[in-house]
Amino acid sequence: MGTASIHEGVRRMRFSGLLDRHERGEITQEEAAELLGVHVRTFQRWAGRYEDEGEAGLADRRLGRPSPRRAPLAELERMLGLYRESYPDFTVKHFHEQLVKRHDYKLGYTVTKLALHAAGLVRRAGKRSAHRKKRARRPLPGMLLHQDGSRHAWIESRPALDLIVTLDDATSELYSMLLVEEEGTASTFRALREVIAKHGLFCALYTDRGNHYFYTPKAGEKVAKAQTQVGRALAQLGIDHIAAYSPQARGRSERAFRTLQDRLPKELRLAGISDVETANRWLREHYIAEYNKSFAIAPEQEGTAFVADRAEAWREILCVIEERTVGNDNTIAWEGRRLQLPENRLRPHFVKATVRVHQYPDQTVSVFLGPHRLASYASDGALLRPDRIEPGSVLDRVKGGLEAAVPAARSARRPPLTRSARAAELTLRVGTKKRPSGRTKKLTKVVENVASMA
């Protein structure tokens, strides 16, 4: 017996009792209708049916009849066929999104889920655990970002890869997604460069205690004060680095990865992507926007905590930086190679000089002496070009200002080629003739005054 039949039986019993009370004059029709929760005209109609047909007249005539709003059977059969053939490993929500996007499906999510349950293709969700209070989100985007990695078989028919995700605590919006062979310092810098280049500097970064994020003397204990390359870079940019001490503390990123592990491999399969480079480009250009449209929420407050880095100092901070001493042959040792420094106008040689080596996420290397870039090298150690300065960087603007100022100063003190030799000679002689001292002038004037008085 269904729920509707049970409710109908209860309604019949209540109506019979109230009808008897009305016939005995204890209550009016209006009062009986109010107790049943129906209009008085409905009570009068039921009373007429009961008098004509008895108990059968009180039956709900809607039961056993198909609803005029019932989903078309042909459309439900088409949906079930698509699920069996192409989407057997999709969740109901993900499957419904693909139906709407790819198959011109018009039925709602609930009727789709109920039909899949009835066909035995999807199990009903289990009972949820006890309620736990979530940590409050930050009110503005850019106040706190989460970064984490997850190893999974993201691309079918390929070994497992690490997916590096950076998302906002206030909105759960993904800012960066990156597939790499192994999570580490280079992948962290690469993801941070993507975020800062597009959105600006943020307030704090929340990560696990991986050895590329923090030094941890003993497993499970607090992190050390000594900084890794990532910690040094964040400190230079003024970004707080917060360590998580349990997976539950990283709930935002853990839930995001649970969704991505279920959806992303299937999306890559549907897009026909089988290599990492194409996958990263597709993630950046297409999937991040689609994910944010479905799962990102509005922040608690309007505005943003991101700050633009107009000087773009992050370009030379978000990289591996180490010091080296130049050898007697003007070379430095770097990762098993000898990098030859070219001749430079700064000094005749760089022997015994302490220089800085910057290794960027793409494995290219630059060597600096103070603010001066001495040379840049490819990942294999080949010299790219000496004195190369990134366009638009601080050094580029400083160099541009100096190059504009030096010719102007030279032209101000150097006579033009069209001036006569006599004029040039007079110009050079200005200020070279020694003048008598002021004391001699004063003494001569005093003698002349004394003579005139005599």
Protein backbone atom coordinates (compact mmCIF):
# COMPACT_ATOMS: atom_id res chain seq x y z
CA MET A 1 0.00 0.00 0.00
CA GLY A 2 1.41 3.34 -1.03
CA THR A 3 1.57 6.56 0.93
CA ALA A 4 -1.24 8.09 -1.12
CA SER A 5 -3.58 5.18 -0.25
CA ILE A 6 -2.80 5.53 3.46
CA HIS A 7 -3.54 9.26 3.39
CA GLU A 8 -6.81 8.58 1.57
CA GLY A 9 -7.91 6.08 4.25
CA VAL A 10 -7.17 8.57 7.01
CA ARG A 11 -9.13 11.26 5.14
CA ARG A 12 -12.16 8.98 4.77
CA MET A 13 -12.25 8.17 8.49
CA ARG A 14 -11.94 11.80 9.51
CA PHE A 15 -14.62 12.83 7.03
CA SER A 16 -17.05 10.16 8.26
CA GLY A 17 -16.64 11.28 11.87
CA LEU A 18 -17.08 14.96 11.05
CA LEU A 19 -20.10 14.25 8.82
CA ASP A 20 -21.78 12.42 11.71
CA ARG A 21 -21.14 15.36 14.04
CA HIS A 22 -22.53 17.76 11.45
CA GLU A 23 -25.71 15.69 11.00
CA ARG A 24 -26.18 15.66 14.82
CA GLY A 25 -25.93 19.44 14.75
CA GLU A 26 -22.73 19.66 16.79
CA ILE A 27 -20.72 21.55 14.16
CA THR A 28 -21.51 23.49 10.99
CA GLN A 29 -20.27 22.68 7.50
CA GLU A 30 -17.75 25.56 7.68
CA GLU A 31 -16.28 24.20 10.92
CA ALA A 32 -16.09 20.64 9.52
CA ALA A 33 -14.36 21.91 6.34
CA GLU A 34 -11.87 23.89 8.44
CA LEU A 35 -11.02 20.81 10.51
CA LEU A 36 -10.40 18.85 7.30
CA GLY A 37 -8.35 21.66 5.83
CA VAL A 38 -10.57 22.02 2.72
CA HIS A 39 -13.00 24.56 1.35
CA VAL A 40 -16.63 24.33 2.44
CA ARG A 41 -17.69 23.60 -1.14
CA THR A 42 -15.35 20.59 -1.19
CA PHE A 43 -16.98 19.30 2.00
CA GLN A 44 -20.44 19.72 0.47
CA ARG A 45 -19.34 17.85 -2.68
CA TRP A 46 -17.90 14.96 -0.64
CA ALA A 47 -21.11 14.79 1.41
CA GLY A 48 -23.18 14.53 -1.77
CA ARG A 49 -20.99 11.72 -3.15
CA TYR A 50 -21.15 9.85 0.16
CA GLU A 51 -24.92 10.02 0.15
CA ASP A 52 -25.16 8.78 -3.47
CA GLU A 53 -22.33 6.19 -3.63
CA GLY A 54 -21.43 5.42 -0.04
CA GLU A 55 -17.76 4.77 0.83
CA ALA A 56 -16.83 4.43 -2.86
CA GLY A 57 -17.83 8.05 -3.44
CA LEU A 58 -15.00 9.24 -1.17
CA ALA A 59 -12.26 7.58 -3.28
CA ASP A 60 -9.62 9.92 -4.70
CA ARG A 61 -10.32 9.83 -8.41
CA ARG A 62 -6.75 10.93 -9.23
CA LEU A 63 -5.25 7.67 -7.97
CA GLY A 64 -4.39 5.19 -10.72
CA ARG A 65 -4.55 7.84 -13.44
CA PRO A 66 -1.36 9.09 -15.14
CA SER A 67 -0.45 12.67 -14.37
CA PRO A 68 -0.82 15.10 -17.28
CA ARG A 69 2.67 16.40 -16.35
CA ARG A 70 4.25 12.99 -16.42
CA ALA A 71 7.62 12.76 -18.22
CA PRO A 72 7.37 11.26 -21.73
CA LEU A 73 8.20 7.56 -21.61
CA ALA A 74 10.20 7.75 -24.86
CA GLU A 75 12.45 10.47 -23.43
CA LEU A 76 13.07 8.46 -20.27
CA GLU A 77 13.98 5.41 -22.35
CA ARG A 78 16.41 7.51 -24.41
CA MET A 79 17.99 8.83 -21.21
CA LEU A 80 18.40 5.33 -19.75
CA GLY A 81 19.95 4.10 -22.99
CA LEU A 82 22.49 6.94 -23.03
CA TYR A 83 23.45 6.19 -19.43
CA ARG A 84 24.01 2.49 -20.18
CA GLU A 85 26.01 3.13 -23.37
CA SER A 86 28.13 6.22 -22.69
CA TYR A 87 27.91 7.35 -19.05
CA PRO A 88 27.78 4.28 -16.76
CA ASP A 89 30.43 5.69 -14.39
CA PHE A 90 28.96 9.21 -14.08
CA THR A 91 27.16 10.53 -11.02
CA VAL A 92 23.54 11.55 -11.57
CA LYS A 93 24.31 15.27 -11.37
CA HIS A 94 27.25 15.03 -13.75
CA PHE A 95 25.22 12.83 -16.10
CA HIS A 96 22.32 15.30 -16.11
CA GLU A 97 24.70 18.18 -16.94
CA GLN A 98 26.08 16.24 -19.92
CA LEU A 99 22.54 15.40 -21.13
CA VAL A 100 21.59 19.07 -21.14
CA LYS A 101 24.85 20.18 -22.74
CA ARG A 102 25.28 17.46 -25.38
CA HIS A 103 21.93 15.73 -25.99
CA ASP A 104 19.23 18.47 -25.91
CA TYR A 105 17.66 16.97 -22.79
CA LYS A 106 14.77 18.91 -21.23
CA LEU A 107 13.74 16.87 -18.19
CA GLY A 108 14.78 17.91 -14.69
CA TYR A 109 17.39 16.45 -12.38
CA THR A 110 14.93 14.88 -9.91
CA VAL A 111 12.90 12.91 -12.48
CA THR A 112 16.17 11.72 -14.03
CA LYS A 113 17.47 10.51 -10.67
CA LEU A 114 14.20 8.74 -9.81
CA ALA A 115 14.13 7.00 -13.19
CA LEU A 116 17.72 5.79 -12.74
CA HIS A 117 16.88 4.52 -9.24
CA ALA A 118 13.77 2.72 -10.55
CA ALA A 119 15.81 1.08 -13.33
CA GLY A 120 18.43 -0.11 -10.83
CA LEU A 121 21.25 1.73 -12.62
CA VAL A 122 22.15 4.03 -9.70
CA ARG A 123 22.15 3.22 -6.00
CA ARG A 124 20.39 5.49 -3.58
CA ALA A 125 22.69 7.67 -1.49
CA GLY A 126 23.50 6.39 1.96
CA LYS A 127 22.55 8.15 5.14
CA ARG A 128 24.76 11.14 5.88
CA SER A 129 26.91 11.36 8.98
CA ALA A 130 26.18 13.61 11.94
CA HIS A 131 26.15 17.34 11.33
CA ARG A 132 29.44 19.16 11.77
CA LYS A 133 29.84 22.90 11.72
CA LYS A 134 32.00 24.15 8.88
CA ARG A 135 34.69 26.76 9.32
CA ALA A 136 33.41 30.15 8.25
CA ARG A 137 34.63 31.34 4.87
CA ARG A 138 36.68 34.50 4.47
CA PRO A 139 34.40 37.39 3.43
CA LEU A 140 36.43 38.64 0.43
CA PRO A 141 38.19 36.94 -2.50
CA GLY A 142 41.96 37.13 -2.18
CA MET A 143 42.05 36.95 1.62
CA LEU A 144 42.94 33.25 1.74
CA LEU A 145 43.88 30.85 -1.06
CA HIS A 146 44.22 27.06 -0.79
CA GLN A 147 46.82 25.15 -2.79
CA ASP A 148 47.08 21.37 -2.82
CA GLY A 149 47.99 18.46 -5.08
CA SER A 150 46.30 15.12 -5.75
CA ARG A 151 47.83 12.09 -7.47
CA HIS A 152 45.34 10.26 -9.65
CA ALA A 153 44.92 8.70 -13.11
CA TRP A 154 43.57 11.95 -14.55
CA ILE A 155 44.20 10.96 -18.20
CA GLU A 156 43.02 7.49 -19.15
CA SER A 157 45.64 5.07 -20.48
CA ARG A 158 48.42 7.12 -18.83
CA PRO A 159 50.23 6.72 -15.48
CA ALA A 160 49.02 8.71 -12.50
CA LEU A 161 49.83 12.43 -12.48
CA ASP A 162 49.71 15.19 -9.85
CA LEU A 163 47.01 17.82 -10.27
CA ILE A 164 47.94 21.13 -8.59
CA VAL A 165 44.88 23.22 -7.75
CA THR A 166 44.74 26.76 -6.33
CA LEU A 167 41.30 27.94 -5.15
CA ASP A 168 39.78 30.80 -3.17
CA ASP A 169 38.43 30.23 0.33
CA ALA A 170 35.68 32.85 0.00
CA THR A 171 34.10 31.52 -3.19
CA SER A 172 35.63 28.05 -3.90
CA GLU A 173 36.57 29.49 -7.32
CA LEU A 174 39.45 27.72 -9.04
CA TYR A 175 42.23 30.08 -10.12
CA SER A 176 44.75 27.54 -11.43
CA MET A 177 44.81 23.85 -12.44
CA LEU A 178 48.02 22.18 -13.51
CA LEU A 179 48.94 18.58 -14.36
CA VAL A 180 52.58 17.68 -13.64
CA GLU A 181 54.63 14.53 -13.28
CA GLU A 182 55.37 15.25 -9.62
CA GLU A 183 54.38 18.01 -7.23
CA GLY A 184 57.26 20.20 -6.06
CA THR A 185 58.76 23.68 -5.89
CA ALA A 186 58.62 24.28 -9.66
CA SER A 187 54.92 23.35 -9.93
CA THR A 188 54.11 25.55 -6.92
CA PHE A 189 55.86 28.56 -8.44
CA ARG A 190 54.22 27.91 -11.79
CA ALA A 191 50.73 27.87 -10.25
CA LEU A 192 51.39 30.97 -8.12
CA ARG A 193 52.70 32.87 -11.15
CA GLU A 194 49.48 32.08 -13.04
CA VAL A 195 47.32 33.35 -10.17
CA ILE A 196 49.28 36.54 -9.44
CA ALA A 197 49.69 37.44 -13.11
CA LYS A 198 45.90 37.34 -13.59
CA HIS A 199 44.49 38.45 -10.23
CA GLY A 200 47.30 40.14 -8.25
CA LEU A 201 48.87 39.60 -4.84
CA PHE A 202 46.74 37.99 -2.12
CA CYS A 203 46.87 37.94 1.68
CA ALA A 204 47.54 34.33 2.76
CA LEU A 205 48.19 30.85 1.34
CA TYR A 206 46.98 27.67 3.09
CA THR A 207 48.89 24.47 2.24
CA ASP A 208 49.86 21.11 3.66
CA ARG A 209 53.31 20.56 5.20
CA GLY A 210 54.98 19.03 2.15
CA ASN A 211 58.76 19.41 2.12
CA HIS A 212 58.61 21.95 -0.70
CA TYR A 213 56.33 24.15 1.45
CA PHE A 214 57.86 23.74 4.93
CA TYR A 215 60.73 22.13 6.79
CA THR A 216 59.34 19.70 9.39
CA PRO A 217 62.06 18.30 11.73
CA LYS A 218 59.82 15.45 12.95
CA ALA A 219 56.78 13.96 11.27
CA GLY A 220 53.58 15.20 12.86
CA GLU A 221 55.24 18.05 14.74
CA LYS A 222 55.22 21.79 14.07
CA VAL A 223 57.06 23.21 11.10
CA ALA A 224 60.48 24.80 11.53
CA LYS A 225 61.17 28.51 11.21
CA ALA A 226 63.71 27.90 8.43
CA GLN A 227 62.20 28.77 5.05
CA THR A 228 62.03 26.75 1.89
CA GLN A 229 62.23 28.43 -1.50
CA VAL A 230 58.42 28.74 -1.50
CA GLY A 231 58.42 30.17 2.02
CA ARG A 232 61.14 32.68 1.11
CA ALA A 233 59.23 33.84 -1.98
CA LEU A 234 55.93 34.26 -0.11
CA ALA A 235 57.66 36.22 2.65
CA GLN A 236 59.26 38.55 0.09
CA LEU A 237 55.83 39.17 -1.47
CA GLY A 238 54.24 39.83 1.93
CA ILE A 239 51.97 36.75 1.76
CA ASP A 240 51.30 34.80 4.97
CA HIS A 241 51.97 31.07 4.70
CA ILE A 242 49.68 28.92 6.87
CA ALA A 243 50.38 25.22 7.49
CA ALA A 244 47.57 22.66 7.79
CA TYR A 245 48.02 19.94 10.42
CA SER A 246 45.28 17.52 9.29
CA PRO A 247 43.38 16.60 6.10
CA GLN A 248 40.17 17.83 7.75
CA ALA A 249 41.73 21.29 8.03
CA ARG A 250 42.02 21.33 4.23
CA GLY A 251 38.32 20.58 3.78
CA ARG A 252 37.81 23.05 0.92
CA SER A 253 40.52 21.53 -1.27
CA GLU A 254 39.69 17.95 -0.22
CA ARG A 255 36.07 18.35 -1.33
CA ALA A 256 37.18 19.97 -4.57
CA PHE A 257 39.49 17.03 -5.32
CA ARG A 258 36.72 14.54 -4.57
CA THR A 259 34.58 16.25 -7.21
CA LEU A 260 37.46 16.54 -9.68
CA GLN A 261 38.53 12.91 -9.33
CA ASP A 262 35.01 11.86 -10.24
CA ARG A 263 34.45 14.34 -13.10
CA LEU A 264 37.72 15.44 -14.68
CA PRO A 265 38.90 12.07 -16.14
CA LYS A 266 35.52 11.65 -17.81
CA GLU A 267 35.58 15.20 -19.17
CA LEU A 268 39.07 14.64 -20.60
CA ARG A 269 37.86 11.40 -22.16
CA LEU A 270 34.87 13.12 -23.76
CA ALA A 271 37.16 15.88 -25.09
CA GLY A 272 39.49 13.27 -26.65
CA ILE A 273 42.60 14.52 -24.78
CA SER A 274 45.45 12.09 -24.18
CA ASP A 275 48.60 14.20 -23.50
CA VAL A 276 49.58 16.48 -20.64
CA GLU A 277 50.36 19.62 -22.65
CA THR A 278 46.97 19.62 -24.41
CA ALA A 279 45.23 18.81 -21.12
CA ASN A 280 46.82 21.79 -19.34
CA ARG A 281 45.87 24.14 -22.16
CA TRP A 282 42.27 22.78 -22.15
CA LEU A 283 42.05 23.13 -18.36
CA ARG A 284 43.24 26.72 -18.54
CA GLU A 285 41.10 27.81 -21.50
CA HIS A 286 37.87 25.81 -20.96
CA TYR A 287 37.41 23.65 -17.90
CA ILE A 288 38.20 26.13 -15.11
CA ALA A 289 35.42 28.46 -16.31
CA GLU A 290 32.93 25.58 -16.58
CA TYR A 291 33.80 24.30 -13.09
CA ASN A 292 33.48 27.75 -11.52
CA LYS A 293 30.11 28.27 -13.21
CA SER A 294 28.80 25.11 -11.54
CA PHE A 295 30.48 25.17 -8.11
CA ALA A 296 31.74 28.68 -7.25
CA ILE A 297 29.58 30.74 -4.91
CA ALA A 298 29.20 34.48 -4.31
CA PRO A 299 31.43 36.01 -1.59
CA GLU A 300 29.94 37.28 1.64
CA GLN A 301 30.99 40.85 0.89
CA GLU A 302 31.46 42.85 -2.30
CA GLY A 303 34.98 43.82 -3.34
CA THR A 304 38.33 42.04 -3.46
CA ALA A 305 41.46 41.71 -1.34
CA PHE A 306 43.73 41.19 -4.36
CA VAL A 307 46.32 43.93 -4.93
CA ALA A 308 47.97 44.55 -8.28
CA ASP A 309 51.77 44.30 -8.35
CA ARG A 310 52.44 47.09 -10.85
CA ALA A 311 56.20 46.65 -10.62
CA GLU A 312 55.79 42.90 -11.33
CA ALA A 313 58.48 42.08 -8.79
CA TRP A 314 56.98 38.57 -8.51
CA ARG A 315 58.62 37.62 -11.81
CA GLU A 316 62.05 37.55 -10.14
CA ILE A 317 60.81 36.35 -6.74
CA LEU A 318 58.71 33.28 -7.65
CA CYS A 319 61.71 31.20 -8.69
CA VAL A 320 64.52 29.22 -7.10
CA ILE A 321 67.23 31.66 -5.93
CA GLU A 322 70.67 30.58 -4.76
CA GLU A 323 74.09 32.21 -4.44
CA ARG A 324 77.23 31.04 -6.23
CA THR A 325 80.87 32.15 -6.28
CA VAL A 326 82.40 32.70 -9.72
CA GLY A 327 85.42 30.52 -10.48
CA ASN A 328 88.81 31.57 -11.89
CA ASP A 329 87.60 30.84 -15.41
CA ASN A 330 84.49 33.08 -15.03
CA THR A 331 82.14 30.10 -14.69
CA ILE A 332 79.68 29.04 -12.02
CA ALA A 333 78.55 25.54 -11.08
CA TRP A 334 74.83 24.81 -11.43
CA GLU A 335 73.21 21.36 -11.33
CA GLY A 336 76.25 19.52 -12.67
CA ARG A 337 77.02 22.08 -15.39
CA ARG A 338 79.47 24.97 -15.74
CA LEU A 339 77.76 28.17 -16.87
CA GLN A 340 80.19 30.48 -18.67
CA LEU A 341 79.70 34.18 -17.93
CA PRO A 342 80.20 36.37 -21.03
CA GLU A 343 82.17 39.62 -21.09
CA ASN A 344 80.34 42.54 -19.53
CA ARG A 345 80.76 46.32 -19.28
CA LEU A 346 80.33 46.23 -15.49
CA ARG A 347 83.84 44.92 -14.77
CA PRO A 348 86.74 43.23 -16.54
CA HIS A 349 86.01 39.85 -14.93
CA PHE A 350 83.84 38.29 -12.21
CA VAL A 351 86.38 35.99 -10.57
CA LYS A 352 85.52 35.37 -6.87
CA ALA A 353 82.39 37.53 -7.18
CA THR A 354 79.23 36.32 -5.40
CA VAL A 355 76.33 36.18 -7.83
CA ARG A 356 72.67 35.14 -7.61
CA VAL A 357 71.26 32.35 -9.74
CA HIS A 358 67.53 32.46 -10.56
CA GLN A 359 65.99 29.25 -11.89
CA TYR A 360 62.48 29.79 -13.28
CA PRO A 361 59.66 27.20 -13.44
CA ASP A 362 60.44 26.50 -17.12
CA GLN A 363 64.00 25.51 -15.99
CA THR A 364 65.68 28.49 -17.68
CA VAL A 365 68.36 30.23 -15.58
CA SER A 366 69.55 33.82 -15.15
CA VAL A 367 72.63 35.08 -13.29
CA PHE A 368 72.51 38.40 -11.42
CA LEU A 369 75.11 40.65 -9.85
CA GLY A 370 73.08 42.97 -7.65
CA PRO A 371 70.29 44.33 -9.89
CA HIS A 372 72.21 43.52 -13.10
CA ARG A 373 71.36 40.46 -15.17
CA LEU A 374 74.68 39.14 -16.43
CA ALA A 375 73.39 36.31 -18.63
CA SER A 376 70.50 33.90 -19.25
CA TYR A 377 70.71 30.20 -20.08
CA ALA A 378 68.40 27.56 -21.50
CA SER A 379 67.49 24.48 -19.48
CA ASP A 380 70.44 22.61 -21.06
CA GLY A 381 72.93 25.33 -20.04
CA ALA A 382 73.23 26.98 -23.47
CA LEU A 383 73.74 30.76 -23.32
CA LEU A 384 70.63 32.56 -24.51
CA ARG A 385 71.66 36.20 -24.48
CA PRO A 386 73.74 38.29 -22.07
CA ASP A 387 72.25 41.38 -20.40
CA ARG A 388 68.74 40.31 -21.31
CA ILE A 389 66.09 42.07 -19.23
CA GLU A 390 62.45 41.06 -19.20
CA PRO A 391 60.25 43.59 -21.07
CA GLY A 392 58.15 45.62 -18.67
CA SER A 393 60.13 44.60 -15.58
CA VAL A 394 61.60 47.00 -13.04
CA LEU A 395 65.07 46.47 -14.47
CA ASP A 396 63.76 47.17 -17.95
CA ARG A 397 62.31 50.51 -16.88
CA VAL A 398 65.45 51.42 -14.94
CA LYS A 399 67.62 50.51 -17.92
CA GLY A 400 65.36 52.47 -20.26
CA GLY A 401 65.59 55.55 -18.05
CA LEU A 402 69.38 55.34 -17.86
CA GLU A 403 69.72 54.85 -21.60
CA ALA A 404 67.57 57.94 -22.18
CA ALA A 405 69.41 60.02 -19.56
CA VAL A 406 73.02 59.23 -20.55
CA PRO A 407 72.81 60.49 -24.16
CA ALA A 408 71.05 63.63 -22.94
CA ALA A 409 73.83 64.34 -20.45
CA ARG A 410 76.50 63.69 -23.05
CA SER A 411 74.85 65.96 -25.61
CA ALA A 412 74.60 68.73 -23.00
CA ARG A 413 78.36 68.86 -22.40
CA ARG A 414 79.72 67.81 -25.82
CA PRO A 415 79.84 70.57 -28.51
CA PRO A 416 78.01 69.75 -31.74
CA LEU A 417 80.07 68.91 -34.77
CA THR A 418 78.80 72.01 -36.66
CA ARG A 419 80.24 74.56 -34.20
CA SER A 420 83.43 76.39 -35.09
CA ALA A 421 86.73 75.37 -33.55
CA ARG A 422 87.14 78.88 -31.98
CA ALA A 423 83.74 78.66 -30.25
CA ALA A 424 84.48 75.16 -29.01
CA GLU A 425 87.85 76.32 -27.65
CA LEU A 426 86.27 79.25 -25.82
CA THR A 427 83.68 76.97 -24.34
CA LEU A 428 86.34 74.61 -23.07
CA ARG A 429 88.33 77.51 -21.53
CA VAL A 430 85.44 78.79 -19.45
CA GLY A 431 86.32 78.38 -15.77
CA THR A 432 89.91 77.28 -16.39
CA LYS A 433 91.59 80.67 -15.83
CA LYS A 434 92.68 81.18 -12.23
CA ARG A 435 91.20 84.25 -10.60
CA PRO A 436 93.00 86.27 -7.93
CA SER A 437 91.89 85.41 -4.46
CA GLY A 438 89.37 87.63 -2.71
CA ARG A 439 91.90 88.58 -0.01
CA THR A 440 94.24 90.19 -2.57
CA LYS A 441 91.36 92.22 -3.99
CA LYS A 442 90.39 93.47 -0.53
CA LEU A 443 94.02 94.45 0.35
CA THR A 444 94.43 96.42 -2.92
CA LYS A 445 91.18 98.31 -2.28
CA VAL A 446 92.29 99.29 1.26
CA VAL A 447 95.62 100.72 -0.04
CA GLU A 448 93.82 102.78 -2.67
CA ASN A 449 91.46 104.25 -0.04
CA VAL A 450 94.40 105.23 2.24
CA ALA A 451 96.21 106.93 -0.66
CA SER A 452 93.16 108.99 -1.59
CA MET A 453 92.77 110.22 1.99
CA ALA A 454 96.38 111.39 2.10
